[in-house]
Amino acid sequence: MRIADAEKENIIHAAEQFSRSEMEKDASGHDWWHIHRVVQMARRIAREEGADAFICTIAALLHDVADEKLNPSKEAGLHKVQSWLDTHLADDDARAHVMDIISNMSYNAGTNPPMRTLEGKVVQDADRLDAIGAISIARAFVYAGWKGTPIHDPAIPPRGEMTAEEYRNGKSTAINHFHEKLLKLKDLVNTEAAKRIAEDRHLYMEQYVERFYEEWEGNR
């Protein structure tokens, strides 16, 4: 089923309204402006990689509406998105494609399988790039404040291998989050476009963490 360009624009506008209504009051760092940045980056990567911009845009707009951190369960979040898609997107293949992307794009302690489609890789990369670099640093501390975890505690070392449950609910710190996830993401992006962007952002983040420890010890 081919979707006309005008209809695509209507669906995108509706998805924006839905996503914004769901996410604009979020205080965990997964707010509407995170969604906005992921959409812009997904469109940029889609152009460079030749992916379907419509699928990438819809998946990027809705990806955190389903986030298990922000819903009673992963299943509840996915049901919310599926219900919206059933009402607004008539194309069965497009609906299934968007749901496949959203169901599998989370970092989830690195346990999710590789994305099956180019569009999935693009949206996952766009989301991961928002967790690398200057904005990522800000989001890390916003998220720590939201969860009530400390900035740093030398008595709590970064965790190594862990289950998704341990990653989500175990004891950690904001600065440990860089070691446990954020500094690993550069090597987990999929597309050449994202790899190029990630290199520069990763370097900035590394320099920040190094400076953090120097200031913590009173050396700078």
C-alpha atoms as a PDB file:
ATOM      1  CA  MET A   1       0.000   0.000   0.000  1.00  0.00           C
ATOM      2  CA  ARG A   2       1.507   3.312  -1.101  1.00  0.00           C
ATOM      3  CA  ILE A   3       0.910   6.274   1.189  1.00  0.00           C
ATOM      4  CA  ALA A   4       0.507   9.629  -0.555  1.00  0.00           C
ATOM      5  CA  ASP A   5       2.903  12.398   0.464  1.00  0.00           C
ATOM      6  CA  ALA A   6       0.102  14.592   1.794  1.00  0.00           C
ATOM      7  CA  GLU A   7      -1.177  11.724   3.939  1.00  0.00           C
ATOM      8  CA  LYS A   8       2.334  11.100   5.243  1.00  0.00           C
ATOM      9  CA  GLU A   9       2.534  14.709   6.384  1.00  0.00           C
ATOM     10  CA  ASN A  10      -0.817  14.367   8.164  1.00  0.00           C
ATOM     11  CA  ILE A  11       0.341  11.214   9.937  1.00  0.00           C
ATOM     12  CA  ILE A  12       3.637  12.822  10.952  1.00  0.00           C
ATOM     13  CA  HIS A  13       1.798  15.843  12.327  1.00  0.00           C
ATOM     14  CA  ALA A  14      -0.543  13.604  14.325  1.00  0.00           C
ATOM     15  CA  ALA A  15       2.407  11.595  15.643  1.00  0.00           C
ATOM     16  CA  GLU A  16       4.126  14.813  16.714  1.00  0.00           C
ATOM     17  CA  GLN A  17       1.038  15.919  18.612  1.00  0.00           C
ATOM     18  CA  PHE A  18       0.655  12.529  20.288  1.00  0.00           C
ATOM     19  CA  SER A  19       4.319  12.245  21.223  1.00  0.00           C
ATOM     20  CA  ARG A  20       4.469  15.771  22.553  1.00  0.00           C
ATOM     21  CA  SER A  21       1.382  15.252  24.696  1.00  0.00           C
ATOM     22  CA  GLU A  22       2.919  12.091  26.150  1.00  0.00           C
ATOM     23  CA  MET A  23       6.480  13.345  26.659  1.00  0.00           C
ATOM     24  CA  GLU A  24       6.463  17.097  27.269  1.00  0.00           C
ATOM     25  CA  LYS A  25       6.244  16.775  31.075  1.00  0.00           C
ATOM     26  CA  ASP A  26       8.903  14.073  31.354  1.00  0.00           C
ATOM     27  CA  ALA A  27      11.707  14.874  33.821  1.00  0.00           C
ATOM     28  CA  SER A  28      13.995  11.896  33.139  1.00  0.00           C
ATOM     29  CA  GLY A  29      15.797  13.280  30.079  1.00  0.00           C
ATOM     30  CA  HIS A  30      13.419  11.522  27.678  1.00  0.00           C
ATOM     31  CA  ASP A  31      11.275  14.605  27.159  1.00  0.00           C
ATOM     32  CA  TRP A  32       9.796  16.070  23.981  1.00  0.00           C
ATOM     33  CA  TRP A  33      13.036  17.859  23.086  1.00  0.00           C
ATOM     34  CA  HIS A  34      14.899  14.559  23.189  1.00  0.00           C
ATOM     35  CA  ILE A  35      12.312  13.250  20.733  1.00  0.00           C
ATOM     36  CA  HIS A  36      12.754  16.370  18.575  1.00  0.00           C
ATOM     37  CA  ARG A  37      16.528  15.889  18.424  1.00  0.00           C
ATOM     38  CA  VAL A  38      16.222  12.190  17.594  1.00  0.00           C
ATOM     39  CA  VAL A  39      13.785  12.980  14.767  1.00  0.00           C
ATOM     40  CA  GLN A  40      16.107  15.598  13.275  1.00  0.00           C
ATOM     41  CA  MET A  41      19.100  13.265  13.466  1.00  0.00           C
ATOM     42  CA  ALA A  42      17.123  10.318  12.079  1.00  0.00           C
ATOM     43  CA  ARG A  43      16.108  12.405   9.078  1.00  0.00           C
ATOM     44  CA  ARG A  44      19.713  13.505   8.559  1.00  0.00           C
ATOM     45  CA  ILE A  45      21.058   9.945   8.675  1.00  0.00           C
ATOM     46  CA  ALA A  46      18.182   8.636   6.535  1.00  0.00           C
ATOM     47  CA  ARG A  47      19.075  11.103   3.783  1.00  0.00           C
ATOM     48  CA  GLU A  48      22.720  10.070   3.843  1.00  0.00           C
ATOM     49  CA  GLU A  49      22.059   6.333   4.061  1.00  0.00           C
ATOM     50  CA  GLY A  50      19.084   6.180   1.665  1.00  0.00           C
ATOM     51  CA  ALA A  51      16.541   4.976   4.237  1.00  0.00           C
ATOM     52  CA  ASP A  52      12.775   5.530   4.179  1.00  0.00           C
ATOM     53  CA  ALA A  53      12.419   8.935   5.849  1.00  0.00           C
ATOM     54  CA  PHE A  54       8.727   8.452   6.675  1.00  0.00           C
ATOM     55  CA  ILE A  55       9.256   5.199   8.589  1.00  0.00           C
ATOM     56  CA  CYS A  56      12.278   6.684  10.352  1.00  0.00           C
ATOM     57  CA  THR A  57      10.348   9.810  11.334  1.00  0.00           C
ATOM     58  CA  ILE A  58       7.325   7.968  12.738  1.00  0.00           C
ATOM     59  CA  ALA A  59       9.483   5.488  14.667  1.00  0.00           C
ATOM     60  CA  ALA A  60      11.649   8.302  16.056  1.00  0.00           C
ATOM     61  CA  LEU A  61       8.588  10.287  17.121  1.00  0.00           C
ATOM     62  CA  LEU A  62       7.019   7.367  18.963  1.00  0.00           C
ATOM     63  CA  HIS A  63      10.015   5.434  20.291  1.00  0.00           C
ATOM     64  CA  ASP A  64       9.996   6.748  23.857  1.00  0.00           C
ATOM     65  CA  VAL A  65       6.219   6.713  24.199  1.00  0.00           C
ATOM     66  CA  ALA A  66       6.774   2.959  24.594  1.00  0.00           C
ATOM     67  CA  ASP A  67       9.853   3.160  26.843  1.00  0.00           C
ATOM     68  CA  GLU A  68       9.507   0.709  29.722  1.00  0.00           C
ATOM     69  CA  LYS A  69      11.137   3.230  32.098  1.00  0.00           C
ATOM     70  CA  LEU A  70       8.178   5.532  31.521  1.00  0.00           C
ATOM     71  CA  ASN A  71       5.379   2.929  31.516  1.00  0.00           C
ATOM     72  CA  PRO A  72       4.135   0.248  33.926  1.00  0.00           C
ATOM     73  CA  SER A  73       5.850  -2.324  31.676  1.00  0.00           C
ATOM     74  CA  LYS A  74       7.399  -2.702  28.233  1.00  0.00           C
ATOM     75  CA  GLU A  75       4.224  -4.458  27.084  1.00  0.00           C
ATOM     76  CA  ALA A  76       2.040  -1.572  28.274  1.00  0.00           C
ATOM     77  CA  GLY A  77       4.177   0.954  26.427  1.00  0.00           C
ATOM     78  CA  LEU A  78       4.160  -1.045  23.209  1.00  0.00           C
ATOM     79  CA  HIS A  79       0.388  -1.502  23.450  1.00  0.00           C
ATOM     80  CA  LYS A  80      -0.029   2.265  23.714  1.00  0.00           C
ATOM     81  CA  VAL A  81       1.966   2.810  20.519  1.00  0.00           C
ATOM     82  CA  GLN A  82       0.271  -0.066  18.699  1.00  0.00           C
ATOM     83  CA  SER A  83      -3.147   1.367  19.527  1.00  0.00           C
ATOM     84  CA  TRP A  84      -2.143   4.749  18.146  1.00  0.00           C
ATOM     85  CA  LEU A  85      -0.745   3.219  14.951  1.00  0.00           C
ATOM     86  CA  ASP A  86      -3.863   1.095  14.445  1.00  0.00           C
ATOM     87  CA  THR A  87      -5.918   4.290  14.427  1.00  0.00           C
ATOM     88  CA  HIS A  88      -3.624   6.534  12.358  1.00  0.00           C
ATOM     89  CA  LEU A  89      -1.610   4.347   9.971  1.00  0.00           C
ATOM     90  CA  ALA A  90      -3.582   2.109   7.622  1.00  0.00           C
ATOM     91  CA  ASP A  91      -0.606   0.433   5.936  1.00  0.00           C
ATOM     92  CA  ASP A  92      -0.082  -2.949   7.635  1.00  0.00           C
ATOM     93  CA  ASP A  93       3.551  -3.257   6.554  1.00  0.00           C
ATOM     94  CA  ALA A  94       4.388   0.260   7.753  1.00  0.00           C
ATOM     95  CA  ARG A  95       2.748  -0.395  11.126  1.00  0.00           C
ATOM     96  CA  ALA A  96       4.639  -3.642  11.559  1.00  0.00           C
ATOM     97  CA  HIS A  97       7.912  -2.011  10.532  1.00  0.00           C
ATOM     98  CA  VAL A  98       7.532   0.848  13.031  1.00  0.00           C
ATOM     99  CA  MET A  99       6.604  -1.558  15.828  1.00  0.00           C
ATOM    100  CA  ASP A 100       9.577  -3.792  15.036  1.00  0.00           C
ATOM    101  CA  ILE A 101      11.914  -0.796  15.322  1.00  0.00           C
ATOM    102  CA  ILE A 102      10.444   0.487  18.570  1.00  0.00           C
ATOM    103  CA  SER A 103      10.335  -2.974  20.142  1.00  0.00           C
ATOM    104  CA  ASN A 104      14.049  -3.586  19.613  1.00  0.00           C
ATOM    105  CA  MET A 105      15.885  -0.247  19.661  1.00  0.00           C
ATOM    106  CA  SER A 106      16.446   0.190  23.408  1.00  0.00           C
ATOM    107  CA  TYR A 107      19.974  -0.260  24.749  1.00  0.00           C
ATOM    108  CA  ASN A 108      18.654  -2.622  27.448  1.00  0.00           C
ATOM    109  CA  ALA A 109      22.128  -3.348  28.874  1.00  0.00           C
ATOM    110  CA  GLY A 110      23.265  -4.244  25.373  1.00  0.00           C
ATOM    111  CA  THR A 111      21.044  -7.332  25.248  1.00  0.00           C
ATOM    112  CA  ASN A 112      18.738  -6.477  22.333  1.00  0.00           C
ATOM    113  CA  PRO A 113      19.419  -8.217  18.992  1.00  0.00           C
ATOM    114  CA  PRO A 114      20.783  -6.243  16.011  1.00  0.00           C
ATOM    115  CA  MET A 115      18.279  -4.175  14.056  1.00  0.00           C
ATOM    116  CA  ARG A 116      16.900  -6.042  11.048  1.00  0.00           C
ATOM    117  CA  THR A 117      16.263  -3.109   8.703  1.00  0.00           C
ATOM    118  CA  LEU A 118      18.126  -0.023   7.560  1.00  0.00           C
ATOM    119  CA  GLU A 119      15.392   2.163   9.009  1.00  0.00           C
ATOM    120  CA  GLY A 120      15.761   0.444  12.372  1.00  0.00           C
ATOM    121  CA  LYS A 121      19.508   1.043  12.306  1.00  0.00           C
ATOM    122  CA  VAL A 122      18.972   4.707  11.448  1.00  0.00           C
ATOM    123  CA  VAL A 123      16.509   5.366  14.279  1.00  0.00           C
ATOM    124  CA  GLN A 124      18.568   3.423  16.790  1.00  0.00           C
ATOM    125  CA  ASP A 125      21.645   5.416  15.756  1.00  0.00           C
ATOM    126  CA  ALA A 126      19.798   8.717  16.094  1.00  0.00           C
ATOM    127  CA  ASP A 127      18.669   7.781  19.600  1.00  0.00           C
ATOM    128  CA  ARG A 128      22.140   6.617  20.604  1.00  0.00           C
ATOM    129  CA  LEU A 129      23.771   9.768  19.263  1.00  0.00           C
ATOM    130  CA  ASP A 130      21.639  11.795  21.677  1.00  0.00           C
ATOM    131  CA  ALA A 131      23.383   9.776  24.419  1.00  0.00           C
ATOM    132  CA  ILE A 132      26.869  10.714  23.153  1.00  0.00           C
ATOM    133  CA  GLY A 133      28.371  14.186  23.539  1.00  0.00           C
ATOM    134  CA  ALA A 134      27.516  17.467  25.228  1.00  0.00           C
ATOM    135  CA  ILE A 135      23.768  16.953  25.471  1.00  0.00           C
ATOM    136  CA  SER A 136      24.356  13.428  26.717  1.00  0.00           C
ATOM    137  CA  ILE A 137      26.342  14.789  29.653  1.00  0.00           C
ATOM    138  CA  ALA A 138      23.431  17.020  30.631  1.00  0.00           C
ATOM    139  CA  ARG A 139      20.943  14.179  30.212  1.00  0.00           C
ATOM    140  CA  ALA A 140      23.047  11.821  32.361  1.00  0.00           C
ATOM    141  CA  PHE A 141      22.788  14.117  35.358  1.00  0.00           C
ATOM    142  CA  VAL A 142      19.132  14.909  34.757  1.00  0.00           C
ATOM    143  CA  TYR A 143      18.424  11.167  34.721  1.00  0.00           C
ATOM    144  CA  ALA A 144      20.460  10.598  37.885  1.00  0.00           C
ATOM    145  CA  GLY A 145      18.533  13.345  39.660  1.00  0.00           C
ATOM    146  CA  TRP A 146      15.261  11.848  38.468  1.00  0.00           C
ATOM    147  CA  LYS A 147      16.248   8.434  39.847  1.00  0.00           C
ATOM    148  CA  GLY A 148      17.760   9.854  43.024  1.00  0.00           C
ATOM    149  CA  THR A 149      21.262   8.461  42.436  1.00  0.00           C
ATOM    150  CA  PRO A 150      24.410  10.370  43.475  1.00  0.00           C
ATOM    151  CA  ILE A 151      26.703  12.238  41.099  1.00  0.00           C
ATOM    152  CA  HIS A 152      29.692  10.146  42.150  1.00  0.00           C
ATOM    153  CA  ASP A 153      30.733   7.873  44.981  1.00  0.00           C
ATOM    154  CA  PRO A 154      34.206   6.299  44.832  1.00  0.00           C
ATOM    155  CA  ALA A 155      32.886   3.423  46.963  1.00  0.00           C
ATOM    156  CA  ILE A 156      30.493   2.426  44.155  1.00  0.00           C
ATOM    157  CA  PRO A 157      32.573   1.166  41.206  1.00  0.00           C
ATOM    158  CA  PRO A 158      31.216   0.981  37.653  1.00  0.00           C
ATOM    159  CA  ARG A 159      29.468  -2.322  36.960  1.00  0.00           C
ATOM    160  CA  GLY A 160      30.671  -4.690  34.264  1.00  0.00           C
ATOM    161  CA  GLU A 161      28.476  -7.394  32.767  1.00  0.00           C
ATOM    162  CA  MET A 162      24.907  -7.210  34.063  1.00  0.00           C
ATOM    163  CA  THR A 163      21.405  -8.305  33.225  1.00  0.00           C
ATOM    164  CA  ALA A 164      18.825  -5.864  31.907  1.00  0.00           C
ATOM    165  CA  GLU A 165      17.181  -5.911  35.352  1.00  0.00           C
ATOM    166  CA  GLU A 166      20.481  -5.154  37.113  1.00  0.00           C
ATOM    167  CA  TYR A 167      21.238  -2.396  34.620  1.00  0.00           C
ATOM    168  CA  ARG A 168      17.837  -0.792  35.160  1.00  0.00           C
ATOM    169  CA  ASN A 169      17.498  -1.131  38.929  1.00  0.00           C
ATOM    170  CA  GLY A 170      20.931  -1.791  40.435  1.00  0.00           C
ATOM    171  CA  LYS A 171      22.851   0.724  42.542  1.00  0.00           C
ATOM    172  CA  SER A 172      25.082   3.073  40.579  1.00  0.00           C
ATOM    173  CA  THR A 173      26.000   6.751  40.095  1.00  0.00           C
ATOM    174  CA  ALA A 174      25.750   9.392  37.404  1.00  0.00           C
ATOM    175  CA  ILE A 175      29.448   9.233  36.560  1.00  0.00           C
ATOM    176  CA  ASN A 176      29.349   5.420  36.486  1.00  0.00           C
ATOM    177  CA  HIS A 177      26.668   5.684  33.804  1.00  0.00           C
ATOM    178  CA  PHE A 178      29.338   6.946  31.426  1.00  0.00           C
ATOM    179  CA  HIS A 179      31.394   3.799  31.939  1.00  0.00           C
ATOM    180  CA  GLU A 180      28.428   1.425  32.035  1.00  0.00           C
ATOM    181  CA  LYS A 181      26.731   2.736  28.898  1.00  0.00           C
ATOM    182  CA  LEU A 182      27.537   6.108  27.356  1.00  0.00           C
ATOM    183  CA  LEU A 183      31.208   5.499  26.524  1.00  0.00           C
ATOM    184  CA  LYS A 184      30.271   2.144  24.941  1.00  0.00           C
ATOM    185  CA  LEU A 185      27.797   3.576  22.443  1.00  0.00           C
ATOM    186  CA  LYS A 186      30.336   4.803  19.895  1.00  0.00           C
ATOM    187  CA  ASP A 187      31.152   1.196  19.034  1.00  0.00           C
ATOM    188  CA  LEU A 188      27.484   0.183  18.865  1.00  0.00           C
ATOM    189  CA  VAL A 189      26.135   2.571  16.227  1.00  0.00           C
ATOM    190  CA  ASN A 190      25.233   0.951  12.919  1.00  0.00           C
ATOM    191  CA  THR A 191      25.589   3.333   9.978  1.00  0.00           C
ATOM    192  CA  GLU A 192      28.639   5.044   8.537  1.00  0.00           C
ATOM    193  CA  ALA A 193      27.004   8.438   8.987  1.00  0.00           C
ATOM    194  CA  ALA A 194      26.411   7.803  12.683  1.00  0.00           C
ATOM    195  CA  LYS A 195      29.910   6.419  13.215  1.00  0.00           C
ATOM    196  CA  ARG A 196      31.397   9.639  11.883  1.00  0.00           C
ATOM    197  CA  ILE A 197      29.263  11.816  14.165  1.00  0.00           C
ATOM    198  CA  ALA A 198      29.839   9.543  17.159  1.00  0.00           C
ATOM    199  CA  GLU A 199      33.635   9.823  16.980  1.00  0.00           C
ATOM    200  CA  ASP A 200      33.660  13.556  17.667  1.00  0.00           C
ATOM    201  CA  ARG A 201      30.957  13.397  20.336  1.00  0.00           C
ATOM    202  CA  HIS A 202      32.664  10.473  22.073  1.00  0.00           C
ATOM    203  CA  LEU A 203      35.953  12.361  22.304  1.00  0.00           C
ATOM    204  CA  TYR A 204      34.206  15.318  23.941  1.00  0.00           C
ATOM    205  CA  MET A 205      32.614  13.000  26.490  1.00  0.00           C
ATOM    206  CA  GLU A 206      35.920  11.280  27.270  1.00  0.00           C
ATOM    207  CA  GLN A 207      37.527  14.649  27.912  1.00  0.00           C
ATOM    208  CA  TYR A 208      34.685  15.620  30.220  1.00  0.00           C
ATOM    209  CA  VAL A 209      34.972  12.450  32.318  1.00  0.00           C
ATOM    210  CA  GLU A 210      38.742  12.889  32.620  1.00  0.00           C
ATOM    211  CA  ARG A 211      38.247  16.503  33.751  1.00  0.00           C
ATOM    212  CA  PHE A 212      35.550  15.409  36.219  1.00  0.00           C
ATOM    213  CA  TYR A 213      37.951  13.080  38.025  1.00  0.00           C
ATOM    214  CA  GLU A 214      40.693  15.716  38.080  1.00  0.00           C
ATOM    215  CA  GLU A 215      38.359  18.251  39.686  1.00  0.00           C
ATOM    216  CA  TRP A 216      37.021  15.605  42.102  1.00  0.00           C
ATOM    217  CA  GLU A 217      40.550  15.060  43.403  1.00  0.00           C
ATOM    218  CA  GLY A 218      41.272  18.800  43.521  1.00  0.00           C
ATOM    219  CA  ASN A 219      43.883  18.617  40.773  1.00  0.00           C
ATOM    220  CA  ARG A 220      42.307  21.220  38.460  1.00  0.00           C
END
